[in-house]
């Protein structure tokens, strides 16, 4: 199997609990910047708490404490579908990372499963969610602008904020924080010396922490002391992300199909913050992983990238990517039946799923004055 791209996330090698001695000087050089970042985060949060805005609609935030790789988007979709099945009208507001749509304060990017903008304008994650979720999806840098747009369109019963934990200027009724079991908290340092957007103690602001595992063959990176700190701070639930099907794009329409990857030679292509779980899932499906091509998170694929993928795939039976990468790769002329995405689903045991439902529904009802779905 080919090695990951040598220039991929060079700084991230410093975020591991153990690093080579040769990297110590660079790590030490980043520590002062991490200190300033920590102070800046505390000042920013304190400021926006003073001017916090109320949405007037029940708000559920799904976020994290670290950068990337915490399954926020699959979990947002999981929760959206659960709430819809309970009879709620659900909308999703995302920042639309990597979106080219910057002029408007807020933009409706999808409704009824129909994407209103090309992926490069909508952002890869909102575009991917639109393939799965039929409710309104709005992108807005300031989430309150997204809420205001939804009110004009017809206010939903509840709004899910994708990656909203640090967006403290908007009050929320439920805060869920996701933690990757395999990624953990790295070395525990704040950016840029480590992967932390906030210290672990910030989990006290959350109503629940959900520890998400991906790939049975991957060991957990969370230490016992970190797990105990989370459990002492708030309710801790558990979930897993697992493969559900392969997805193929045919004339712009996505179709699910079974996953017959056993002994198939697969080239894995991804633009993820941490692709280790993706590879583990492919191996669990007994795929013969003959090569990998790694790109930065939210990568905008070019014609040159397409050519590189086609060249690398000459020794493979098929190319398997992620859904958020497929929305950007499907426009290129790959050979018929050669490009697939691995569709994931979130699973929780009955006890944790019931606890999640009770927490969210109780707070939605409280925020709405128990005026709907009594």
Protein backbone atom coordinates (compact mmCIF):
# COMPACT_ATOMS: atom_id res chain seq x y z
CA UNK A 1 0.00 0.00 0.00
CA UNK A 2 1.34 3.45 -0.87
CA UNK A 3 2.20 5.82 1.96
CA UNK A 4 0.15 8.90 2.81
CA UNK A 5 1.17 12.11 1.07
CA UNK A 6 4.43 13.34 2.68
CA UNK A 7 3.20 16.94 2.96
CA UNK A 8 -0.09 16.02 4.59
CA UNK A 9 -0.73 17.98 7.79
CA UNK A 10 2.91 18.32 8.80
CA UNK A 11 1.94 20.16 12.00
CA UNK A 12 -0.32 17.31 13.08
CA UNK A 13 2.62 15.03 13.73
CA UNK A 14 3.39 17.36 16.65
CA UNK A 15 -0.05 16.75 18.15
CA UNK A 16 0.61 13.14 19.08
CA UNK A 17 1.25 12.24 22.74
CA UNK A 18 4.68 10.93 21.78
CA UNK A 19 6.82 12.69 19.14
CA UNK A 20 10.38 12.13 17.87
CA UNK A 21 13.11 14.02 19.71
CA UNK A 22 13.95 15.94 16.53
CA UNK A 23 10.50 17.57 16.63
CA UNK A 24 10.82 18.93 20.18
CA UNK A 25 12.22 22.37 19.16
CA UNK A 26 9.28 23.01 16.83
CA UNK A 27 6.80 21.86 19.48
CA UNK A 28 8.37 24.18 22.06
CA UNK A 29 8.23 27.07 19.59
CA UNK A 30 4.45 26.61 19.26
CA UNK A 31 3.70 26.57 22.99
CA UNK A 32 3.61 30.39 23.41
CA UNK A 33 1.17 30.65 20.49
CA UNK A 34 -1.01 28.01 22.17
CA UNK A 35 -1.02 30.09 25.35
CA UNK A 36 -2.16 33.19 23.46
CA UNK A 37 -4.80 31.14 21.67
CA UNK A 38 -6.15 29.86 24.98
CA UNK A 39 -6.39 33.38 26.38
CA UNK A 40 -8.05 34.59 23.18
CA UNK A 41 -10.67 31.83 23.34
CA UNK A 42 -11.49 32.67 26.97
CA UNK A 43 -11.81 36.41 26.22
CA UNK A 44 -13.95 35.75 23.14
CA UNK A 45 -16.31 33.43 24.99
CA UNK A 46 -16.66 35.88 27.87
CA UNK A 47 -17.45 38.73 25.47
CA UNK A 48 -20.08 36.85 23.47
CA UNK A 49 -21.81 35.54 26.59
CA UNK A 50 -22.54 39.18 27.47
CA UNK A 51 -24.19 39.72 24.07
CA UNK A 52 -25.67 36.28 23.53
CA UNK A 53 -28.67 36.14 21.19
CA UNK A 54 -31.79 34.05 21.69
CA UNK A 55 -33.06 32.28 18.59
CA UNK A 56 -36.74 31.97 19.47
CA UNK A 57 -36.58 28.38 18.15
CA UNK A 58 -35.28 25.32 20.03
CA UNK A 59 -31.58 24.92 19.17
CA UNK A 60 -29.47 21.77 19.43
CA UNK A 61 -25.72 22.20 18.86
CA UNK A 62 -23.46 19.33 17.79
CA UNK A 63 -19.80 20.24 18.23
CA UNK A 64 -16.43 19.16 19.53
CA UNK A 65 -13.36 20.22 21.48
CA UNK A 66 -10.76 19.37 18.84
CA UNK A 67 -10.24 20.15 15.17
CA UNK A 68 -11.72 17.74 12.65
CA UNK A 69 -12.40 14.02 12.62
CA UNK A 70 -15.17 13.72 15.21
CA UNK A 71 -18.07 12.47 13.02
CA UNK A 72 -20.12 15.64 13.60
CA UNK A 73 -21.84 15.52 10.23
CA UNK A 74 -22.92 11.83 10.39
CA UNK A 75 -24.14 12.40 13.95
CA UNK A 76 -26.05 15.54 12.92
CA UNK A 77 -27.81 13.51 10.24
CA UNK A 78 -28.49 10.69 12.71
CA UNK A 79 -30.11 13.07 15.18
CA UNK A 80 -32.06 14.88 12.45
CA UNK A 81 -33.59 11.61 11.27
CA UNK A 82 -34.43 10.53 14.84
CA UNK A 83 -36.21 13.83 15.53
CA UNK A 84 -38.10 13.65 12.24
CA UNK A 85 -39.35 10.19 13.17
CA UNK A 86 -40.65 11.68 16.42
CA UNK A 87 -42.69 14.14 14.38
CA UNK A 88 -40.53 17.26 14.54
CA UNK A 89 -39.84 19.55 11.61
CA UNK A 90 -36.04 19.77 11.60
CA UNK A 91 -33.65 22.19 9.91
CA UNK A 92 -29.85 22.21 9.84
CA UNK A 93 -27.64 25.29 9.99
CA UNK A 94 -23.97 24.88 9.10
CA UNK A 95 -21.13 27.30 8.72
CA UNK A 96 -20.56 25.75 5.31
CA UNK A 97 -16.83 25.23 5.67
CA UNK A 98 -15.03 25.57 2.31
CA UNK A 99 -18.15 27.20 0.88
CA UNK A 100 -17.61 29.72 -1.90
CA UNK A 101 -20.84 31.50 -0.98
CA UNK A 102 -19.60 34.48 1.01
CA UNK A 103 -21.71 37.48 -0.09
CA UNK A 104 -25.00 36.64 1.63
CA UNK A 105 -25.39 36.57 5.40
CA UNK A 106 -27.26 33.28 5.10
CA UNK A 107 -28.09 31.03 2.16
CA UNK A 108 -30.56 28.20 1.71
CA UNK A 109 -28.43 25.52 0.08
CA UNK A 110 -30.87 22.59 0.07
CA UNK A 111 -34.56 21.83 0.50
CA UNK A 112 -36.43 18.61 -0.13
CA UNK A 113 -33.14 16.89 -0.92
CA UNK A 114 -32.54 19.28 -3.83
CA UNK A 115 -29.22 21.14 -3.78
CA UNK A 116 -29.77 24.80 -4.65
CA UNK A 117 -26.08 25.53 -5.21
CA UNK A 118 -23.12 23.61 -6.62
CA UNK A 119 -20.97 21.92 -3.93
CA UNK A 120 -18.19 24.49 -4.31
CA UNK A 121 -20.66 27.20 -3.23
CA UNK A 122 -22.68 25.17 -0.74
CA UNK A 123 -19.69 23.57 0.98
CA UNK A 124 -18.93 19.85 0.86
CA UNK A 125 -20.65 18.83 4.10
CA UNK A 126 -23.95 20.68 3.48
CA UNK A 127 -23.96 19.28 -0.08
CA UNK A 128 -23.41 15.77 1.25
CA UNK A 129 -26.14 16.18 3.90
CA UNK A 130 -28.61 17.22 1.19
CA UNK A 131 -28.24 13.76 -0.38
CA UNK A 132 -29.54 12.19 2.82
CA UNK A 133 -31.68 14.78 4.61
CA UNK A 134 -34.79 16.33 3.03
CA UNK A 135 -35.31 19.23 5.42
CA UNK A 136 -33.94 22.77 4.91
CA UNK A 137 -30.16 23.20 5.12
CA UNK A 138 -28.81 26.72 5.54
CA UNK A 139 -25.23 27.98 5.63
CA UNK A 140 -24.33 31.08 7.61
CA UNK A 141 -21.11 32.27 9.20
CA UNK A 142 -23.18 33.83 11.98
CA UNK A 143 -25.71 31.17 12.86
CA UNK A 144 -28.32 33.71 13.99
CA UNK A 145 -28.56 34.88 10.37
CA UNK A 146 -29.34 31.30 9.38
CA UNK A 147 -32.09 31.17 12.01
CA UNK A 148 -33.58 34.43 10.71
CA UNK A 149 -33.66 33.02 7.18
CA UNK A 150 -35.41 29.87 8.40
CA UNK A 151 -38.04 31.97 10.16
CA UNK A 152 -38.81 33.74 6.87
CA UNK A 153 -39.15 30.36 5.15
CA UNK A 154 -41.41 28.98 7.87
CA UNK A 155 -39.87 28.28 11.27
CA UNK A 156 -39.08 24.61 11.98
CA UNK A 157 -39.70 22.95 15.35
CA UNK A 158 -35.99 22.56 16.03
CA UNK A 159 -32.70 23.65 14.45
CA UNK A 160 -29.51 21.57 14.57
CA UNK A 161 -26.23 23.50 14.51
CA UNK A 162 -23.53 21.48 12.77
CA UNK A 163 -20.22 22.36 14.51
CA UNK A 164 -21.74 24.90 16.87
CA UNK A 165 -20.12 24.35 20.29
CA UNK A 166 -17.72 27.30 20.00
CA UNK A 167 -20.42 29.59 18.53
CA UNK A 168 -21.42 30.89 21.96
CA UNK A 169 -22.97 34.11 20.64
CA UNK A 170 -26.12 32.07 19.88
CA UNK A 171 -27.89 30.59 22.89
CA UNK A 172 -28.79 26.93 22.56
CA UNK A 173 -31.08 24.56 24.42
CA UNK A 174 -28.93 21.44 24.03
CA UNK A 175 -25.16 21.24 23.65
CA UNK A 176 -23.77 17.90 22.50
CA UNK A 177 -20.00 17.47 22.28
CA UNK A 178 -18.55 14.62 20.23
CA UNK A 179 -15.20 13.04 21.08
CA UNK A 180 -13.42 10.59 18.80
CA UNK A 181 -12.44 7.48 20.73
CA UNK A 182 -9.55 6.84 18.33
CA UNK A 183 -8.39 10.45 17.96
CA UNK A 184 -8.92 11.44 21.58
CA UNK A 185 -7.39 14.76 22.55
CA UNK A 186 -3.96 14.17 21.03
CA UNK A 187 -1.32 15.71 23.28
CA UNK A 188 -3.97 17.79 25.07
CA UNK A 189 -2.48 21.14 24.03
CA UNK A 190 -4.41 24.03 22.53
CA UNK A 191 -3.91 25.08 18.90
CA UNK A 192 -1.41 25.31 17.26
CA UNK A 193 0.68 23.16 19.63
CA UNK A 194 -2.09 20.58 19.79
CA UNK A 195 -5.53 19.80 18.36
CA UNK A 196 -7.63 21.39 21.14
CA UNK A 197 -10.03 24.21 20.31
CA UNK A 198 -10.85 24.45 24.02
CA UNK A 199 -9.58 22.76 27.19
CA UNK A 200 -11.20 19.48 28.25
CA UNK A 201 -12.93 21.27 31.13
CA UNK A 202 -15.07 23.11 28.56
CA UNK A 203 -17.11 19.89 28.40
CA UNK A 204 -18.87 21.19 31.52
CA UNK A 205 -20.85 23.51 29.22
CA UNK A 206 -22.26 20.50 27.36
CA UNK A 207 -25.44 18.64 28.28
CA UNK A 208 -23.81 15.42 27.11
CA UNK A 209 -20.56 14.16 25.63
CA UNK A 210 -20.83 11.43 23.00
CA UNK A 211 -17.72 9.28 22.57
CA UNK A 212 -17.74 8.04 18.99
CA UNK A 213 -15.74 5.02 17.83
CA UNK A 214 -14.95 4.17 14.23
CA UNK A 215 -13.30 0.95 13.15
CA UNK A 216 -13.15 -2.08 15.42
CA UNK A 217 -9.45 -2.53 14.73
CA UNK A 218 -8.43 0.86 16.11
CA UNK A 219 -7.39 1.29 19.75
CA UNK A 220 -8.89 4.09 21.82
CA UNK A 221 -6.68 7.13 22.37
CA UNK A 222 -8.64 8.34 25.39
CA UNK A 223 -6.83 7.74 28.66
CA UNK A 224 -8.71 6.62 31.73
CA UNK A 225 -8.07 9.97 33.41
CA UNK A 226 -9.50 11.85 30.41
CA UNK A 227 -12.59 9.64 30.40
CA UNK A 228 -13.06 10.20 34.13
CA UNK A 229 -12.76 13.97 33.62
CA UNK A 230 -15.48 13.85 31.00
CA UNK A 231 -17.72 11.70 33.19
CA UNK A 232 -17.29 14.08 36.12
CA UNK A 233 -18.13 17.06 33.92
CA UNK A 234 -21.34 15.88 32.26
CA UNK A 235 -23.38 12.91 31.01
CA UNK A 236 -21.35 10.59 28.75
CA UNK A 237 -22.96 8.54 25.98
CA UNK A 238 -21.40 6.24 23.39
CA UNK A 239 -21.92 5.79 19.67
CA UNK A 240 -20.17 4.13 16.76
CA UNK A 241 -19.84 4.98 13.10
CA UNK A 242 -19.95 2.00 10.76
CA UNK A 243 -20.30 1.33 7.02
CA UNK A 244 -23.86 0.93 5.74
CA UNK A 245 -23.51 0.67 1.97
CA UNK A 246 -21.58 1.79 -1.06
CA UNK A 247 -22.92 4.78 -2.99
CA UNK A 248 -22.47 5.34 -6.71
CA UNK A 249 -23.30 8.51 -8.64
CA UNK A 250 -25.24 7.94 -11.85
CA UNK A 251 -26.09 11.06 -13.86
CA UNK A 252 -26.06 13.13 -10.69
CA UNK A 253 -28.29 10.70 -8.76
CA UNK A 254 -26.86 8.71 -5.88
CA UNK A 255 -27.78 5.06 -5.51
CA UNK A 256 -27.00 2.73 -2.61
CA UNK A 257 -25.71 -0.75 -3.31
CA UNK A 258 -24.27 -3.67 -1.27
CA UNK A 259 -20.64 -3.68 -0.19
CA UNK A 260 -18.95 -6.63 -1.98
CA UNK A 261 -15.39 -5.46 -1.28
CA UNK A 262 -13.94 -8.76 -0.11
CA UNK A 263 -10.64 -9.34 -1.96
CA UNK A 264 -11.34 -6.40 -4.29
CA UNK A 265 -8.31 -4.19 -4.98
CA UNK A 266 -9.28 -0.77 -3.67
CA UNK A 267 -7.69 2.65 -4.01
CA UNK A 268 -8.84 4.78 -1.06
CA UNK A 269 -9.17 8.51 -1.74
CA UNK A 270 -10.07 10.96 1.02
CA UNK A 271 -9.94 14.56 2.13
CA UNK A 272 -10.34 14.01 5.87
CA UNK A 273 -8.77 15.43 9.00
CA UNK A 274 -8.04 11.87 10.15
CA UNK A 275 -8.57 9.05 7.60
CA UNK A 276 -7.49 6.21 9.91
CA UNK A 277 -11.09 5.20 10.66
CA UNK A 278 -11.93 5.22 6.95
CA UNK A 279 -9.09 2.80 6.22
CA UNK A 280 -10.06 0.60 9.16
CA UNK A 281 -13.61 0.29 7.85
CA UNK A 282 -12.38 -0.73 4.39
CA UNK A 283 -10.16 -3.38 5.95
CA UNK A 284 -13.08 -4.64 8.06
CA UNK A 285 -14.92 -5.17 4.78
CA UNK A 286 -11.93 -7.33 3.66
CA UNK A 287 -10.94 -4.90 0.91
CA UNK A 288 -7.42 -5.28 -0.48
CA UNK A 289 -6.20 -1.72 0.08
CA UNK A 290 -3.61 -1.40 -2.69
CA UNK A 291 -3.14 2.35 -2.35
CA UNK A 292 -4.25 5.54 -0.62
CA UNK A 293 -4.38 9.14 -1.75
CA UNK A 294 -4.80 11.67 1.04
CA UNK A 295 -5.80 15.29 0.57
CA UNK A 296 -6.41 18.08 3.11
CA UNK A 297 -9.77 18.25 4.84
CA UNK A 298 -12.43 19.91 2.63
CA UNK A 299 -10.11 19.70 -0.37
CA UNK A 300 -11.35 21.23 -3.64
CA UNK A 301 -10.41 18.62 -6.27
CA UNK A 302 -8.89 19.83 -9.53
CA UNK A 303 -8.48 18.21 -12.93
CA UNK A 304 -4.88 17.45 -11.96
CA UNK A 305 -6.12 15.61 -8.86
CA UNK A 306 -8.56 13.63 -11.01
CA UNK A 307 -5.72 12.60 -13.32
CA UNK A 308 -3.59 11.58 -10.33
CA UNK A 309 -6.44 9.43 -9.00
CA UNK A 310 -7.02 7.77 -12.38
CA UNK A 311 -3.31 7.02 -12.70
CA UNK A 312 -3.11 5.59 -9.17
CA UNK A 313 -6.21 3.47 -9.81
CA UNK A 314 -4.66 1.52 -12.71
CA UNK A 315 -3.74 -1.30 -10.34
CA UNK A 316 -7.08 -1.19 -8.50
CA UNK A 317 -10.50 -2.65 -9.26
CA UNK A 318 -12.28 0.42 -7.95
CA UNK A 319 -11.83 3.75 -6.16
CA UNK A 320 -13.59 4.21 -2.82
CA UNK A 321 -13.93 7.65 -1.28
CA UNK A 322 -16.12 9.39 1.30
CA UNK A 323 -19.52 10.94 0.63
CA UNK A 324 -18.28 14.47 1.19
CA UNK A 325 -15.51 13.82 -1.34
CA UNK A 326 -17.91 12.21 -3.81
CA UNK A 327 -19.93 15.44 -4.08
CA UNK A 328 -16.78 17.06 -5.50
CA UNK A 329 -15.42 14.13 -7.51
CA UNK A 330 -18.60 13.04 -9.31
CA UNK A 331 -18.26 15.84 -11.88
CA UNK A 332 -15.10 14.27 -13.30
CA UNK A 333 -15.34 11.62 -16.07
CA UNK A 334 -14.32 8.50 -14.16
CA UNK A 335 -14.77 5.19 -15.94
CA UNK A 336 -18.19 3.64 -15.47
CA UNK A 337 -18.64 1.78 -12.17
CA UNK A 338 -15.19 2.74 -10.95
CA UNK A 339 -15.90 5.41 -8.30
CA UNK A 340 -17.84 4.67 -5.10
CA UNK A 341 -18.32 6.29 -1.72
CA UNK A 342 -18.62 4.51 1.60
CA UNK A 343 -21.90 5.52 3.24
CA UNK A 344 -21.70 5.54 7.02
CA UNK A 345 -24.33 5.29 9.71
CA UNK A 346 -24.26 6.11 13.41
CA UNK A 347 -25.35 3.43 15.87
CA UNK A 348 -26.05 3.67 19.60
CA UNK A 349 -27.13 0.98 22.03
CA UNK A 350 -30.74 1.14 23.20
CA UNK A 351 -29.93 2.67 26.58
CA UNK A 352 -27.80 5.50 25.20
CA UNK A 353 -30.19 6.17 22.30
CA UNK A 354 -33.08 6.42 24.77
CA UNK A 355 -31.07 8.77 27.01
CA UNK A 356 -30.25 10.97 24.00
CA UNK A 357 -33.91 11.13 22.94
CA UNK A 358 -35.07 11.98 26.45
CA UNK A 359 -32.48 14.73 26.86
CA UNK A 360 -33.14 16.39 23.53
CA UNK A 361 -36.93 16.04 23.48
CA UNK A 362 -37.32 17.29 27.05
CA UNK A 363 -35.34 20.43 26.29
CA UNK A 364 -37.09 21.03 22.95
CA UNK A 365 -40.44 20.88 24.74
CA UNK A 366 -39.23 23.15 27.49
CA UNK A 367 -37.87 25.70 24.99
CA UNK A 368 -41.08 25.62 22.97
CA UNK A 369 -43.22 26.09 26.09
CA UNK A 370 -44.55 22.56 25.59
CA UNK A 371 -46.74 24.03 22.84
CA UNK A 372 -45.99 21.35 20.24
CA UNK A 373 -45.89 17.55 20.33
CA UNK A 374 -47.26 17.31 23.86
